[in-house]
C-alpha atoms as a PDB file:
ATOM      1  CA  UNK A   1      16.093 -35.478  -3.241  1.00  0.00           C
ATOM      2  CA  UNK A   2      12.077 -35.721  -2.670  1.00  0.00           C
ATOM      3  CA  UNK A   3       9.951 -36.373  -5.857  1.00  0.00           C
ATOM      4  CA  UNK A   4       7.638 -33.685  -6.251  1.00  0.00           C
ATOM      5  CA  UNK A   5       4.010 -34.488  -6.906  1.00  0.00           C
ATOM      6  CA  UNK A   6       1.450 -31.798  -8.033  1.00  0.00           C
ATOM      7  CA  UNK A   7      -1.339 -34.030  -6.674  1.00  0.00           C
ATOM      8  CA  UNK A   8       0.254 -33.569  -2.845  1.00  0.00           C
ATOM      9  CA  UNK A   9       1.042 -29.803  -3.905  1.00  0.00           C
ATOM     10  CA  UNK A  10      -2.283 -28.824  -4.468  1.00  0.00           C
ATOM     11  CA  UNK A  11      -3.454 -31.003  -1.421  1.00  0.00           C
ATOM     12  CA  UNK A  12      -1.030 -28.813   0.904  1.00  0.00           C
ATOM     13  CA  UNK A  13      -2.315 -25.398  -1.048  1.00  0.00           C
ATOM     14  CA  UNK A  14      -6.014 -26.691  -0.153  1.00  0.00           C
ATOM     15  CA  UNK A  15      -4.776 -27.540   3.485  1.00  0.00           C
ATOM     16  CA  UNK A  16      -3.070 -24.071   3.815  1.00  0.00           C
ATOM     17  CA  UNK A  17      -5.894 -22.026   1.983  1.00  0.00           C
ATOM     18  CA  UNK A  18      -8.440 -23.545   4.754  1.00  0.00           C
ATOM     19  CA  UNK A  19      -6.278 -22.082   7.535  1.00  0.00           C
ATOM     20  CA  UNK A  20      -6.866 -18.745   6.575  1.00  0.00           C
ATOM     21  CA  UNK A  21      -8.429 -16.197   8.502  1.00  0.00           C
ATOM     22  CA  UNK A  22     -10.271 -14.120   5.509  1.00  0.00           C
ATOM     23  CA  UNK A  23     -11.651 -10.747   6.571  1.00  0.00           C
ATOM     24  CA  UNK A  24     -15.451 -10.094   6.591  1.00  0.00           C
ATOM     25  CA  UNK A  25     -16.841  -7.337   3.865  1.00  0.00           C
ATOM     26  CA  UNK A  26     -17.067  -4.845   6.384  1.00  0.00           C
ATOM     27  CA  UNK A  27     -13.679  -5.372   7.452  1.00  0.00           C
ATOM     28  CA  UNK A  28     -12.362  -5.025   3.880  1.00  0.00           C
ATOM     29  CA  UNK A  29     -14.605  -2.176   3.340  1.00  0.00           C
ATOM     30  CA  UNK A  30     -12.992  -0.264   6.059  1.00  0.00           C
ATOM     31  CA  UNK A  31      -9.708  -1.052   5.822  1.00  0.00           C
ATOM     32  CA  UNK A  32     -10.281   0.114   1.583  1.00  0.00           C
ATOM     33  CA  UNK A  33     -11.598   3.282   3.025  1.00  0.00           C
ATOM     34  CA  UNK A  34      -8.667   3.922   5.317  1.00  0.00           C
ATOM     35  CA  UNK A  35      -6.120   3.073   2.483  1.00  0.00           C
ATOM     36  CA  UNK A  36      -7.730   6.030   0.168  1.00  0.00           C
ATOM     37  CA  UNK A  37      -8.118   8.345   3.349  1.00  0.00           C
ATOM     38  CA  UNK A  38      -4.044   7.761   3.951  1.00  0.00           C
ATOM     39  CA  UNK A  39      -3.532   8.635   0.427  1.00  0.00           C
ATOM     40  CA  UNK A  40      -5.088  11.745   0.387  1.00  0.00           C
ATOM     41  CA  UNK A  41      -3.500  12.903   3.175  1.00  0.00           C
ATOM     42  CA  UNK A  42       0.023  11.762   2.195  1.00  0.00           C
ATOM     43  CA  UNK A  43      -0.843  13.277  -1.480  1.00  0.00           C
ATOM     44  CA  UNK A  44      -1.532  16.604   0.319  1.00  0.00           C
ATOM     45  CA  UNK A  45       1.060  16.367   2.672  1.00  0.00           C
ATOM     46  CA  UNK A  46       3.631  15.958  -0.319  1.00  0.00           C
ATOM     47  CA  UNK A  47       1.984  18.526  -2.104  1.00  0.00           C
ATOM     48  CA  UNK A  48       2.859  20.997   0.478  1.00  0.00           C
ATOM     49  CA  UNK A  49       6.152  19.811   1.320  1.00  0.00           C
ATOM     50  CA  UNK A  50       6.920  20.473  -2.039  1.00  0.00           C
ATOM     51  CA  UNK A  51       5.855  23.921  -2.349  1.00  0.00           C
ATOM     52  CA  UNK A  52       7.500  25.058   0.678  1.00  0.00           C
ATOM     53  CA  UNK A  53      10.620  23.370  -0.843  1.00  0.00           C
ATOM     54  CA  UNK A  54      10.095  25.058  -4.028  1.00  0.00           C
ATOM     55  CA  UNK A  55       9.993  28.437  -2.301  1.00  0.00           C
ATOM     56  CA  UNK A  56      13.107  27.886   0.007  1.00  0.00           C
ATOM     57  CA  UNK A  57      14.868  26.755  -3.291  1.00  0.00           C
ATOM     58  CA  UNK A  58      13.629  29.901  -5.363  1.00  0.00           C
ATOM     59  CA  UNK A  59      14.658  32.156  -2.701  1.00  0.00           C
ATOM     60  CA  UNK A  60      17.934  31.078  -1.906  1.00  0.00           C
ATOM     61  CA  UNK A  61      18.867  30.889  -5.874  1.00  0.00           C
ATOM     62  CA  UNK A  62      17.369  34.316  -6.332  1.00  0.00           C
ATOM     63  CA  UNK A  63      15.106  32.879  -9.317  1.00  0.00           C
ATOM     64  CA  UNK A  64      11.691  35.740  -9.511  1.00  0.00           C
ATOM     65  CA  UNK A  65       9.431  33.880 -11.327  1.00  0.00           C
END
């Protein structure tokens, strides 16, 4: 079994971190904006789908509200 060396582990972490391609501030802002837009679109979609399903179930069960 290999010995665990905390110092070697930290060296490996630094080495791997140096290989990462970090996004620019602009890319991060655009991606964040797109996430918020998609959340809003999904929210509206599920709101409408929920209302349609509610109307169908209410009609089928004959519940008058």
